[in-house]
Amino acid sequence: MMLVEDSVVERRQVGNYLSGWRIEFLPIADGKDAWDLLQAPDAPSLVLLDWALPGLDGIELCRRIRTLGANGAYIYVVMLTANEKKQDLLTAMAAGADDYLVKPVDPEELRARLMVGKRILELQQSMRFAATHDFLTRLLNRAEILASLKRELSRCQRDGQPIAAILADLDHFKLINDSLGHAAGDTVLKEVAHRLQLDLRNYDLVGRYGGEEFLILLPNCGLTTGTRRADEIRSLVAKDAIITTFAAVSATVSMGVSASDNALDLTVEDLLHYADQALYEAKDSGRNCVRTFNASADTSKTFR
């Protein structure tokens, strides 16, 4: 969390409370400095904010903090002030403060307000995760992986870089469900989802595209590299049997790969269509293999 307080005495006193409760915090004395830090991707999600500050006062800083929420990040703000009038409380709330404490701060009241803030932030984080992730596999859900593909394709095209899209389908999944039951099927889906992520870079993305089908995005990878990496991922999935409650299951995936390469006018729909065509060929070729579609040459290629 961040403690924005220009008074050395107040900053030390509140800081002692936080340290005693083993709460890590970043002390800041200037409103402008705080604003610069709060715009960073890894900015604190909870802020104790003094009303009167040099550089940028607490009310204006609070207003600016609320503009950051448009990017999906929420910062919980507790305003600290010597002002006790109801109008001051309304002013702080109108600026976007979540809570309000009058100085001198009572330590037990402060701790209670921080506990409330922490719970609200945890709930919001849980809701954001639920809105963008698949409940069973914990991968990105269909809507989010498609939105990610749109963003990454646009970025790669701006930078003159390729992007590879891999559609992976779990082979004979209906047979697993029919013979072992849906509980075993869920176990297999979760483990396959886990294995799909084992060899990915930090900025690669994978999501549940639907049912037993997954979509993997490899930014800055052309068709050749994307195909090689797809086969490596396929091998990881098939390497070891998956232990379910009823039996050990050998799971494999068929994969279709497409890439933008030099075709910078390619659309999301194009990439998905080509990957789907390649996936169909992989299934038709006996499954547990990788097939590719070269969007630039408009020809299909085989890879084992």
C-alpha atoms as a PDB file:
ATOM      1  CA  MET A   1       0.000   0.000   0.000  1.00  0.00           C
ATOM      2  CA  MET A   2       0.975   3.682  -0.240  1.00  0.00           C
ATOM      3  CA  LEU A   3       0.949   6.306   2.506  1.00  0.00           C
ATOM      4  CA  VAL A   4       0.800   9.815   1.056  1.00  0.00           C
ATOM      5  CA  GLU A   5       1.419  12.282   3.896  1.00  0.00           C
ATOM      6  CA  ASP A   6       3.593  15.407   3.889  1.00  0.00           C
ATOM      7  CA  SER A   7       3.767  15.780   7.682  1.00  0.00           C
ATOM      8  CA  VAL A   8       6.844  13.992   8.986  1.00  0.00           C
ATOM      9  CA  VAL A   9       5.176  13.484  12.380  1.00  0.00           C
ATOM     10  CA  GLU A  10       1.940  12.085  10.924  1.00  0.00           C
ATOM     11  CA  ARG A  11       3.808   9.946   8.421  1.00  0.00           C
ATOM     12  CA  ARG A  12       5.980   8.436  11.141  1.00  0.00           C
ATOM     13  CA  GLN A  13       3.016   7.810  13.459  1.00  0.00           C
ATOM     14  CA  VAL A  14       0.812   6.130  10.864  1.00  0.00           C
ATOM     15  CA  GLY A  15       3.845   4.299   9.493  1.00  0.00           C
ATOM     16  CA  ASN A  16       4.530   2.863  12.942  1.00  0.00           C
ATOM     17  CA  TYR A  17       0.970   1.549  13.094  1.00  0.00           C
ATOM     18  CA  LEU A  18       1.325  -0.110   9.687  1.00  0.00           C
ATOM     19  CA  SER A  19       4.707  -1.613  10.526  1.00  0.00           C
ATOM     20  CA  GLY A  20       3.304  -2.973  13.776  1.00  0.00           C
ATOM     21  CA  TRP A  21       0.572  -4.742  11.819  1.00  0.00           C
ATOM     22  CA  ARG A  22       3.197  -6.044   9.358  1.00  0.00           C
ATOM     23  CA  ILE A  23       1.708  -4.114   6.468  1.00  0.00           C
ATOM     24  CA  GLU A  24       4.251  -3.156   3.827  1.00  0.00           C
ATOM     25  CA  PHE A  25       3.846   0.422   2.644  1.00  0.00           C
ATOM     26  CA  LEU A  26       5.516   3.049   0.516  1.00  0.00           C
ATOM     27  CA  PRO A  27       5.759   6.494   2.214  1.00  0.00           C
ATOM     28  CA  ILE A  28       5.360   9.497  -0.101  1.00  0.00           C
ATOM     29  CA  ALA A  29       5.386  13.171   0.924  1.00  0.00           C
ATOM     30  CA  ASP A  30       4.353  14.858  -2.344  1.00  0.00           C
ATOM     31  CA  GLY A  31       1.095  14.509  -4.287  1.00  0.00           C
ATOM     32  CA  LYS A  32       2.754  14.771  -7.697  1.00  0.00           C
ATOM     33  CA  ASP A  33       5.301  12.092  -6.815  1.00  0.00           C
ATOM     34  CA  ALA A  34       2.463   9.850  -5.673  1.00  0.00           C
ATOM     35  CA  TRP A  35       0.598  10.394  -8.951  1.00  0.00           C
ATOM     36  CA  ASP A  36       3.666   9.466 -10.992  1.00  0.00           C
ATOM     37  CA  LEU A  37       4.029   6.190  -9.069  1.00  0.00           C
ATOM     38  CA  LEU A  38       0.314   5.351  -9.140  1.00  0.00           C
ATOM     39  CA  GLN A  39       0.286   5.332 -12.952  1.00  0.00           C
ATOM     40  CA  ALA A  40       2.720   2.391 -13.048  1.00  0.00           C
ATOM     41  CA  PRO A  41       1.360  -1.096 -13.877  1.00  0.00           C
ATOM     42  CA  ASP A  42       2.434  -2.436 -10.467  1.00  0.00           C
ATOM     43  CA  ALA A  43       1.034   0.505  -8.461  1.00  0.00           C
ATOM     44  CA  PRO A  44      -0.279  -0.146  -4.928  1.00  0.00           C
ATOM     45  CA  SER A  45      -3.976  -1.002  -4.816  1.00  0.00           C
ATOM     46  CA  LEU A  46      -4.631   0.704  -1.455  1.00  0.00           C
ATOM     47  CA  VAL A  47      -3.724   4.308  -0.636  1.00  0.00           C
ATOM     48  CA  LEU A  48      -3.874   6.327   2.582  1.00  0.00           C
ATOM     49  CA  LEU A  49      -4.125   9.853   1.231  1.00  0.00           C
ATOM     50  CA  ASP A  50      -3.724  13.133   3.078  1.00  0.00           C
ATOM     51  CA  TRP A  51      -6.029  15.962   1.967  1.00  0.00           C
ATOM     52  CA  ALA A  52      -3.440  18.758   2.119  1.00  0.00           C
ATOM     53  CA  LEU A  53      -0.342  17.940   0.062  1.00  0.00           C
ATOM     54  CA  PRO A  54       2.358  19.846  -1.832  1.00  0.00           C
ATOM     55  CA  GLY A  55       2.584  19.389  -5.588  1.00  0.00           C
ATOM     56  CA  LEU A  56      -0.942  18.017  -5.952  1.00  0.00           C
ATOM     57  CA  ASP A  57      -3.573  18.095  -3.227  1.00  0.00           C
ATOM     58  CA  GLY A  58      -5.366  14.968  -2.071  1.00  0.00           C
ATOM     59  CA  ILE A  59      -8.716  15.834  -3.678  1.00  0.00           C
ATOM     60  CA  GLU A  60      -7.212  16.400  -7.123  1.00  0.00           C
ATOM     61  CA  LEU A  61      -5.019  13.310  -6.744  1.00  0.00           C
ATOM     62  CA  CYS A  62      -8.077  11.262  -5.835  1.00  0.00           C
ATOM     63  CA  ARG A  63      -9.880  12.500  -8.958  1.00  0.00           C
ATOM     64  CA  ARG A  64      -6.926  11.485 -11.102  1.00  0.00           C
ATOM     65  CA  ILE A  65      -6.739   8.075  -9.440  1.00  0.00           C
ATOM     66  CA  ARG A  66     -10.327   7.430 -10.494  1.00  0.00           C
ATOM     67  CA  THR A  67      -9.408   7.992 -14.138  1.00  0.00           C
ATOM     68  CA  LEU A  68      -7.094   4.969 -13.858  1.00  0.00           C
ATOM     69  CA  GLY A  69     -10.123   2.747 -13.279  1.00  0.00           C
ATOM     70  CA  ALA A  70     -10.943   2.985 -16.976  1.00  0.00           C
ATOM     71  CA  ASN A  71      -8.000   0.634 -17.590  1.00  0.00           C
ATOM     72  CA  GLY A  72      -9.363  -2.048 -15.278  1.00  0.00           C
ATOM     73  CA  ALA A  73      -7.227  -1.213 -12.235  1.00  0.00           C
ATOM     74  CA  TYR A  74      -8.972  -0.094  -9.063  1.00  0.00           C
ATOM     75  CA  ILE A  75      -7.203   1.719  -6.238  1.00  0.00           C
ATOM     76  CA  TYR A  76      -8.947   1.885  -2.873  1.00  0.00           C
ATOM     77  CA  VAL A  77      -8.464   5.332  -1.316  1.00  0.00           C
ATOM     78  CA  VAL A  78      -8.834   6.268   2.347  1.00  0.00           C
ATOM     79  CA  MET A  79      -8.705  10.048   2.786  1.00  0.00           C
ATOM     80  CA  LEU A  80      -6.952  11.393   5.898  1.00  0.00           C
ATOM     81  CA  THR A  81      -7.792  14.939   6.986  1.00  0.00           C
ATOM     82  CA  ALA A  82      -8.226  17.252   9.959  1.00  0.00           C
ATOM     83  CA  ASN A  83     -11.468  18.544   8.412  1.00  0.00           C
ATOM     84  CA  GLU A  84     -14.509  17.268  10.319  1.00  0.00           C
ATOM     85  CA  LYS A  85     -17.356  19.007   8.485  1.00  0.00           C
ATOM     86  CA  LYS A  86     -19.946  16.876   6.680  1.00  0.00           C
ATOM     87  CA  GLN A  87     -19.406  18.934   3.557  1.00  0.00           C
ATOM     88  CA  ASP A  88     -15.736  17.929   3.588  1.00  0.00           C
ATOM     89  CA  LEU A  89     -16.755  14.276   3.750  1.00  0.00           C
ATOM     90  CA  LEU A  90     -19.055  14.776   0.756  1.00  0.00           C
ATOM     91  CA  THR A  91     -16.292  16.582  -1.137  1.00  0.00           C
ATOM     92  CA  ALA A  92     -13.895  13.688  -0.566  1.00  0.00           C
ATOM     93  CA  MET A  93     -16.470  11.085  -1.600  1.00  0.00           C
ATOM     94  CA  ALA A  94     -17.420  13.095  -4.699  1.00  0.00           C
ATOM     95  CA  ALA A  95     -13.739  13.153  -5.672  1.00  0.00           C
ATOM     96  CA  GLY A  96     -13.682   9.340  -5.518  1.00  0.00           C
ATOM     97  CA  ALA A  97     -12.493   8.506  -1.999  1.00  0.00           C
ATOM     98  CA  ASP A  98     -13.714   5.154  -0.698  1.00  0.00           C
ATOM     99  CA  ASP A  99     -13.387   6.027   2.983  1.00  0.00           C
ATOM    100  CA  TYR A 100     -12.589   8.982   5.228  1.00  0.00           C
ATOM    101  CA  LEU A 101     -10.700   9.278   8.523  1.00  0.00           C
ATOM    102  CA  VAL A 102     -10.314  12.369  10.677  1.00  0.00           C
ATOM    103  CA  LYS A 103      -6.916  13.158  12.207  1.00  0.00           C
ATOM    104  CA  PRO A 104      -5.482  12.404  14.639  1.00  0.00           C
ATOM    105  CA  VAL A 105      -6.006   8.874  13.379  1.00  0.00           C
ATOM    106  CA  ASP A 106      -7.274   6.314  15.875  1.00  0.00           C
ATOM    107  CA  PRO A 107      -5.180   3.173  15.278  1.00  0.00           C
ATOM    108  CA  GLU A 108      -7.995   0.670  15.808  1.00  0.00           C
ATOM    109  CA  GLU A 109     -10.324   2.585  13.517  1.00  0.00           C
ATOM    110  CA  LEU A 110      -7.596   2.802  10.891  1.00  0.00           C
ATOM    111  CA  ARG A 111      -6.958  -0.931  11.102  1.00  0.00           C
ATOM    112  CA  ALA A 112     -10.665  -1.667  10.728  1.00  0.00           C
ATOM    113  CA  ARG A 113     -10.919   0.578   7.644  1.00  0.00           C
ATOM    114  CA  LEU A 114      -7.890  -1.110   6.091  1.00  0.00           C
ATOM    115  CA  MET A 115      -9.418  -4.545   6.672  1.00  0.00           C
ATOM    116  CA  VAL A 116     -12.591  -3.415   4.904  1.00  0.00           C
ATOM    117  CA  GLY A 117     -10.551  -2.041   1.996  1.00  0.00           C
ATOM    118  CA  LYS A 118      -8.574  -5.267   1.696  1.00  0.00           C
ATOM    119  CA  ARG A 119     -11.754  -7.354   1.566  1.00  0.00           C
ATOM    120  CA  ILE A 120     -13.306  -5.128  -1.084  1.00  0.00           C
ATOM    121  CA  LEU A 121     -10.171  -5.293  -3.231  1.00  0.00           C
ATOM    122  CA  GLU A 122     -10.056  -9.092  -2.916  1.00  0.00           C
ATOM    123  CA  LEU A 123     -13.706  -9.300  -3.955  1.00  0.00           C
ATOM    124  CA  GLN A 124     -13.095  -7.043  -6.961  1.00  0.00           C
ATOM    125  CA  GLN A 125     -10.074  -9.095  -7.974  1.00  0.00           C
ATOM    126  CA  SER A 126     -12.130 -12.266  -7.711  1.00  0.00           C
ATOM    127  CA  MET A 127     -14.893 -10.739  -9.838  1.00  0.00           C
ATOM    128  CA  ARG A 128     -12.421  -9.565 -12.477  1.00  0.00           C
ATOM    129  CA  PHE A 129     -10.867 -13.036 -12.627  1.00  0.00           C
ATOM    130  CA  ALA A 130     -14.287 -14.659 -12.941  1.00  0.00           C
ATOM    131  CA  ALA A 131     -15.225 -12.294 -15.777  1.00  0.00           C
ATOM    132  CA  THR A 132     -12.127 -13.106 -17.845  1.00  0.00           C
ATOM    133  CA  HIS A 133     -11.275 -16.715 -16.954  1.00  0.00           C
ATOM    134  CA  ASP A 134     -12.778 -20.137 -17.421  1.00  0.00           C
ATOM    135  CA  PHE A 135     -13.984 -21.541 -14.093  1.00  0.00           C
ATOM    136  CA  LEU A 136     -12.777 -25.123 -14.669  1.00  0.00           C
ATOM    137  CA  THR A 137      -9.370 -24.710 -16.333  1.00  0.00           C
ATOM    138  CA  ARG A 138      -8.483 -21.252 -14.938  1.00  0.00           C
ATOM    139  CA  LEU A 139      -7.399 -20.260 -18.444  1.00  0.00           C
ATOM    140  CA  LEU A 140      -8.661 -17.142 -20.206  1.00  0.00           C
ATOM    141  CA  ASN A 141     -12.251 -17.649 -21.310  1.00  0.00           C
ATOM    142  CA  ARG A 142     -13.396 -17.472 -24.938  1.00  0.00           C
ATOM    143  CA  ALA A 143     -14.304 -13.781 -24.887  1.00  0.00           C
ATOM    144  CA  GLU A 144     -11.014 -12.766 -23.276  1.00  0.00           C
ATOM    145  CA  ILE A 145      -8.728 -14.880 -25.467  1.00  0.00           C
ATOM    146  CA  LEU A 146     -10.458 -13.481 -28.577  1.00  0.00           C
ATOM    147  CA  ALA A 147     -10.093  -9.943 -27.241  1.00  0.00           C
ATOM    148  CA  SER A 148      -6.416 -10.726 -26.566  1.00  0.00           C
ATOM    149  CA  LEU A 149      -5.973 -11.988 -30.124  1.00  0.00           C
ATOM    150  CA  LYS A 150      -7.447  -8.758 -31.478  1.00  0.00           C
ATOM    151  CA  ARG A 151      -5.111  -6.649 -29.316  1.00  0.00           C
ATOM    152  CA  GLU A 152      -1.996  -8.722 -30.046  1.00  0.00           C
ATOM    153  CA  LEU A 153      -2.637  -8.919 -33.789  1.00  0.00           C
ATOM    154  CA  SER A 154      -3.073  -5.146 -33.927  1.00  0.00           C
ATOM    155  CA  ARG A 155       0.118  -4.589 -31.914  1.00  0.00           C
ATOM    156  CA  CYS A 156       2.150  -7.037 -34.012  1.00  0.00           C
ATOM    157  CA  GLN A 157       0.933  -5.425 -37.235  1.00  0.00           C
ATOM    158  CA  ARG A 158       1.915  -1.962 -35.955  1.00  0.00           C
ATOM    159  CA  ASP A 159       5.375  -3.261 -35.049  1.00  0.00           C
ATOM    160  CA  GLY A 160       5.776  -5.204 -38.273  1.00  0.00           C
ATOM    161  CA  GLN A 161       5.978  -8.501 -36.373  1.00  0.00           C
ATOM    162  CA  PRO A 162       4.157 -11.802 -37.006  1.00  0.00           C
ATOM    163  CA  ILE A 163       1.865 -13.626 -34.611  1.00  0.00           C
ATOM    164  CA  ALA A 164       1.056 -17.342 -34.563  1.00  0.00           C
ATOM    165  CA  ALA A 165      -2.313 -18.746 -33.522  1.00  0.00           C
ATOM    166  CA  ILE A 166      -2.670 -22.387 -32.484  1.00  0.00           C
ATOM    167  CA  LEU A 167      -5.994 -24.171 -32.164  1.00  0.00           C
ATOM    168  CA  ALA A 168      -5.620 -27.301 -30.032  1.00  0.00           C
ATOM    169  CA  ASP A 169      -8.347 -29.923 -29.715  1.00  0.00           C
ATOM    170  CA  LEU A 170      -8.277 -32.689 -27.104  1.00  0.00           C
ATOM    171  CA  ASP A 171      -8.467 -35.999 -28.954  1.00  0.00           C
ATOM    172  CA  HIS A 172     -11.325 -38.448 -28.270  1.00  0.00           C
ATOM    173  CA  PHE A 173     -12.602 -36.444 -25.309  1.00  0.00           C
ATOM    174  CA  LYS A 174     -16.135 -37.781 -25.699  1.00  0.00           C
ATOM    175  CA  LEU A 175     -14.791 -41.302 -25.230  1.00  0.00           C
ATOM    176  CA  ILE A 176     -13.151 -40.243 -21.932  1.00  0.00           C
ATOM    177  CA  ASN A 177     -16.416 -38.729 -20.691  1.00  0.00           C
ATOM    178  CA  ASP A 178     -18.494 -41.707 -21.818  1.00  0.00           C
ATOM    179  CA  SER A 179     -16.189 -44.366 -20.355  1.00  0.00           C
ATOM    180  CA  LEU A 180     -14.985 -42.699 -17.136  1.00  0.00           C
ATOM    181  CA  GLY A 181     -17.584 -40.018 -16.445  1.00  0.00           C
ATOM    182  CA  HIS A 182     -17.588 -36.231 -16.470  1.00  0.00           C
ATOM    183  CA  ALA A 183     -15.579 -35.927 -13.252  1.00  0.00           C
ATOM    184  CA  ALA A 184     -12.674 -37.737 -14.904  1.00  0.00           C
ATOM    185  CA  GLY A 185     -13.195 -35.644 -18.019  1.00  0.00           C
ATOM    186  CA  ASP A 186     -12.897 -32.478 -15.944  1.00  0.00           C
ATOM    187  CA  THR A 187      -9.652 -33.751 -14.418  1.00  0.00           C
ATOM    188  CA  VAL A 188      -8.234 -34.394 -17.884  1.00  0.00           C
ATOM    189  CA  LEU A 189      -9.299 -30.958 -19.127  1.00  0.00           C
ATOM    190  CA  LYS A 190      -7.653 -29.223 -16.159  1.00  0.00           C
ATOM    191  CA  GLU A 191      -4.398 -31.147 -16.544  1.00  0.00           C
ATOM    192  CA  VAL A 192      -4.235 -30.577 -20.305  1.00  0.00           C
ATOM    193  CA  ALA A 193      -4.818 -26.861 -19.684  1.00  0.00           C
ATOM    194  CA  HIS A 194      -1.926 -26.907 -17.229  1.00  0.00           C
ATOM    195  CA  ARG A 195       0.404 -28.676 -19.663  1.00  0.00           C
ATOM    196  CA  LEU A 196      -0.452 -26.275 -22.478  1.00  0.00           C
ATOM    197  CA  GLN A 197       1.095 -23.480 -20.396  1.00  0.00           C
ATOM    198  CA  LEU A 198       4.306 -25.257 -19.361  1.00  0.00           C
ATOM    199  CA  ASP A 199       6.459 -24.111 -22.280  1.00  0.00           C
ATOM    200  CA  LEU A 200       4.960 -20.657 -22.859  1.00  0.00           C
ATOM    201  CA  ARG A 201       6.762 -17.343 -22.514  1.00  0.00           C
ATOM    202  CA  ASN A 202       5.465 -14.720 -20.088  1.00  0.00           C
ATOM    203  CA  TYR A 203       3.691 -12.841 -22.857  1.00  0.00           C
ATOM    204  CA  ASP A 204       2.214 -15.859 -24.669  1.00  0.00           C
ATOM    205  CA  LEU A 205      -1.483 -16.429 -24.047  1.00  0.00           C
ATOM    206  CA  VAL A 206      -3.738 -19.458 -23.863  1.00  0.00           C
ATOM    207  CA  GLY A 207      -7.486 -19.695 -23.397  1.00  0.00           C
ATOM    208  CA  ARG A 208     -10.320 -22.180 -23.481  1.00  0.00           C
ATOM    209  CA  TYR A 209     -11.861 -21.593 -26.881  1.00  0.00           C
ATOM    210  CA  GLY A 210     -14.819 -23.861 -26.262  1.00  0.00           C
ATOM    211  CA  GLY A 211     -15.503 -27.341 -24.881  1.00  0.00           C
ATOM    212  CA  GLU A 212     -12.277 -29.308 -25.299  1.00  0.00           C
ATOM    213  CA  GLU A 213     -10.724 -26.788 -27.696  1.00  0.00           C
ATOM    214  CA  PHE A 214      -8.006 -24.291 -26.754  1.00  0.00           C
ATOM    215  CA  LEU A 215      -6.456 -21.256 -28.438  1.00  0.00           C
ATOM    216  CA  ILE A 216      -2.774 -20.403 -27.936  1.00  0.00           C
ATOM    217  CA  LEU A 217      -1.310 -17.064 -29.066  1.00  0.00           C
ATOM    218  CA  LEU A 218       2.406 -16.650 -29.748  1.00  0.00           C
ATOM    219  CA  PRO A 219       3.253 -12.979 -30.435  1.00  0.00           C
ATOM    220  CA  ASN A 220       6.354 -12.278 -32.527  1.00  0.00           C
ATOM    221  CA  CYS A 221       6.366 -15.853 -33.870  1.00  0.00           C
ATOM    222  CA  GLY A 222       6.081 -16.667 -37.547  1.00  0.00           C
ATOM    223  CA  LEU A 223       4.715 -19.868 -39.032  1.00  0.00           C
ATOM    224  CA  THR A 224       7.952 -21.866 -38.803  1.00  0.00           C
ATOM    225  CA  THR A 225       8.665 -21.022 -35.167  1.00  0.00           C
ATOM    226  CA  GLY A 226       4.997 -21.273 -34.197  1.00  0.00           C
ATOM    227  CA  THR A 227       4.747 -24.719 -35.741  1.00  0.00           C
ATOM    228  CA  ARG A 228       7.857 -25.967 -33.972  1.00  0.00           C
ATOM    229  CA  ARG A 229       6.609 -24.672 -30.643  1.00  0.00           C
ATOM    230  CA  ALA A 230       3.179 -26.192 -31.247  1.00  0.00           C
ATOM    231  CA  ASP A 231       4.754 -29.605 -31.693  1.00  0.00           C
ATOM    232  CA  GLU A 232       6.776 -29.144 -28.503  1.00  0.00           C
ATOM    233  CA  ILE A 233       3.583 -28.304 -26.609  1.00  0.00           C
ATOM    234  CA  ARG A 234       1.825 -31.283 -28.190  1.00  0.00           C
ATOM    235  CA  SER A 235       4.631 -33.550 -26.959  1.00  0.00           C
ATOM    236  CA  LEU A 236       4.332 -32.148 -23.417  1.00  0.00           C
ATOM    237  CA  VAL A 237       0.619 -32.925 -23.338  1.00  0.00           C
ATOM    238  CA  ALA A 238       1.111 -36.502 -24.534  1.00  0.00           C
ATOM    239  CA  LYS A 239       4.246 -37.271 -22.499  1.00  0.00           C
ATOM    240  CA  ASP A 240       2.676 -38.680 -19.306  1.00  0.00           C
ATOM    241  CA  ALA A 241      -0.651 -40.298 -18.521  1.00  0.00           C
ATOM    242  CA  ILE A 242      -3.158 -38.246 -16.530  1.00  0.00           C
ATOM    243  CA  ILE A 243      -4.269 -39.840 -13.268  1.00  0.00           C
ATOM    244  CA  THR A 244      -8.003 -39.612 -12.613  1.00  0.00           C
ATOM    245  CA  THR A 245     -10.061 -41.138  -9.810  1.00  0.00           C
ATOM    246  CA  PHE A 246     -10.964 -44.142 -11.957  1.00  0.00           C
ATOM    247  CA  ALA A 247      -8.038 -44.714 -14.305  1.00  0.00           C
ATOM    248  CA  ALA A 248      -4.889 -43.330 -15.888  1.00  0.00           C
ATOM    249  CA  VAL A 249      -5.711 -41.616 -19.163  1.00  0.00           C
ATOM    250  CA  SER A 250      -3.383 -41.007 -22.095  1.00  0.00           C
ATOM    251  CA  ALA A 251      -4.395 -37.604 -23.455  1.00  0.00           C
ATOM    252  CA  THR A 252      -3.270 -36.130 -26.768  1.00  0.00           C
ATOM    253  CA  VAL A 253      -4.134 -33.024 -28.740  1.00  0.00           C
ATOM    254  CA  SER A 254      -4.449 -32.242 -32.421  1.00  0.00           C
ATOM    255  CA  MET A 255      -3.213 -28.797 -33.433  1.00  0.00           C
ATOM    256  CA  GLY A 256      -3.739 -26.372 -36.271  1.00  0.00           C
ATOM    257  CA  VAL A 257      -1.345 -23.445 -36.698  1.00  0.00           C
ATOM    258  CA  SER A 258      -1.687 -20.236 -38.664  1.00  0.00           C
ATOM    259  CA  ALA A 259       0.459 -17.092 -38.617  1.00  0.00           C
ATOM    260  CA  SER A 260       0.329 -13.597 -40.035  1.00  0.00           C
ATOM    261  CA  ASP A 261       3.978 -13.566 -41.191  1.00  0.00           C
ATOM    262  CA  ASN A 262       4.116 -10.962 -44.001  1.00  0.00           C
ATOM    263  CA  ALA A 263       0.351 -10.744 -44.493  1.00  0.00           C
ATOM    264  CA  LEU A 264      -0.098  -7.574 -42.431  1.00  0.00           C
ATOM    265  CA  ASP A 265      -3.697  -7.057 -43.599  1.00  0.00           C
ATOM    266  CA  LEU A 266      -4.800 -10.346 -42.006  1.00  0.00           C
ATOM    267  CA  THR A 267      -7.830 -10.154 -39.690  1.00  0.00           C
ATOM    268  CA  VAL A 268      -8.658 -12.058 -36.504  1.00  0.00           C
ATOM    269  CA  GLU A 269     -11.268 -13.992 -38.455  1.00  0.00           C
ATOM    270  CA  ASP A 270      -8.674 -14.937 -41.087  1.00  0.00           C
ATOM    271  CA  LEU A 271      -6.199 -16.281 -38.523  1.00  0.00           C
ATOM    272  CA  LEU A 272      -8.860 -18.323 -36.754  1.00  0.00           C
ATOM    273  CA  HIS A 273     -10.275 -19.656 -40.021  1.00  0.00           C
ATOM    274  CA  TYR A 274      -6.859 -20.770 -41.242  1.00  0.00           C
ATOM    275  CA  ALA A 275      -5.977 -22.352 -37.895  1.00  0.00           C
ATOM    276  CA  ASP A 276      -9.318 -24.160 -37.918  1.00  0.00           C
ATOM    277  CA  GLN A 277      -8.646 -25.504 -41.406  1.00  0.00           C
ATOM    278  CA  ALA A 278      -5.255 -26.760 -40.288  1.00  0.00           C
ATOM    279  CA  LEU A 279      -6.811 -28.330 -37.169  1.00  0.00           C
ATOM    280  CA  TYR A 280      -9.343 -30.153 -39.337  1.00  0.00           C
ATOM    281  CA  GLU A 281      -6.458 -31.597 -41.368  1.00  0.00           C
ATOM    282  CA  ALA A 282      -4.717 -32.703 -38.153  1.00  0.00           C
ATOM    283  CA  LYS A 283      -7.823 -34.591 -37.052  1.00  0.00           C
ATOM    284  CA  ASP A 284      -8.272 -36.080 -40.501  1.00  0.00           C
ATOM    285  CA  SER A 285      -4.628 -37.224 -40.474  1.00  0.00           C
ATOM    286  CA  GLY A 286      -5.013 -39.443 -37.413  1.00  0.00           C
ATOM    287  CA  ARG A 287      -4.862 -36.864 -34.558  1.00  0.00           C
ATOM    288  CA  ASN A 288      -2.019 -36.198 -32.089  1.00  0.00           C
ATOM    289  CA  CYS A 289      -0.196 -34.171 -34.727  1.00  0.00           C
ATOM    290  CA  VAL A 290       0.315 -30.604 -35.938  1.00  0.00           C
ATOM    291  CA  ARG A 291      -0.821 -29.180 -39.256  1.00  0.00           C
ATOM    292  CA  THR A 292      -0.188 -25.676 -40.525  1.00  0.00           C
ATOM    293  CA  PHE A 293      -1.777 -23.181 -42.855  1.00  0.00           C
ATOM    294  CA  ASN A 294       0.462 -20.625 -44.525  1.00  0.00           C
ATOM    295  CA  ALA A 295      -1.715 -17.533 -44.778  1.00  0.00           C
ATOM    296  CA  SER A 296       0.857 -15.687 -46.907  1.00  0.00           C
ATOM    297  CA  ALA A 297       1.150 -18.445 -49.509  1.00  0.00           C
ATOM    298  CA  ASP A 298      -2.448 -19.657 -49.097  1.00  0.00           C
ATOM    299  CA  THR A 299      -1.207 -23.252 -49.015  1.00  0.00           C
ATOM    300  CA  SER A 300      -1.309 -25.986 -46.398  1.00  0.00           C
ATOM    301  CA  LYS A 301       1.783 -27.660 -45.018  1.00  0.00           C
ATOM    302  CA  THR A 302       2.354 -30.775 -42.989  1.00  0.00           C
ATOM    303  CA  PHE A 303       4.448 -30.993 -39.840  1.00  0.00           C
ATOM    304  CA  ARG A 304       5.114 -33.989 -37.582  1.00  0.00           C
END
